Amino acid sequence: VRLEESGGGLVQAGGSLRLSCAASGRTFSMTDMAWFRQDPGKEREFVAAIAWSGDSTHYGNSVKGRFTISRDNAKNTVYLQMNGLKPEDTAVYYCAAGSGYYSQVLYYTIDKYSVWGQGTQVTVSS
């Protein structure tokens, strides 16, 4: 799987953005997907994850209720809808694919994701 993020940009506080992550390869529909983010000087932070089937999702506490992760297996794409953006959401957002196939557990730690995109910058102005 190869991943490419898009949709980042500059937005005012309270605004919305939708990130997309296009995946190549035949294994996308078998793989859990996640979004992480990282601000310079800080550790990479879990944002959201979605199971390979789309039936299960999990969110980081800082984005719960504001962000929504979804996927379209027919298009090999995972999305992150971000509403109610805050300046503290400013970061580079990375898409990641899980290490296994048809996982029975939806993980939210970095070590469980083995393929990463190059990242897309999201900047929220106050």
Foldseek 3Di string as FASTA:
>chain_A
DAKAKDWADEEAAQAKTKMKIADDDDQLLFWKKFKWWDDPPDDIGGAKIAHSPRPDMDGDPVQPPFWDWGDDVVRRMIMIIGGRDDQVVWTWMKMFIADDTNDPDIDGDPVRTDYIYPTDTHGYHD
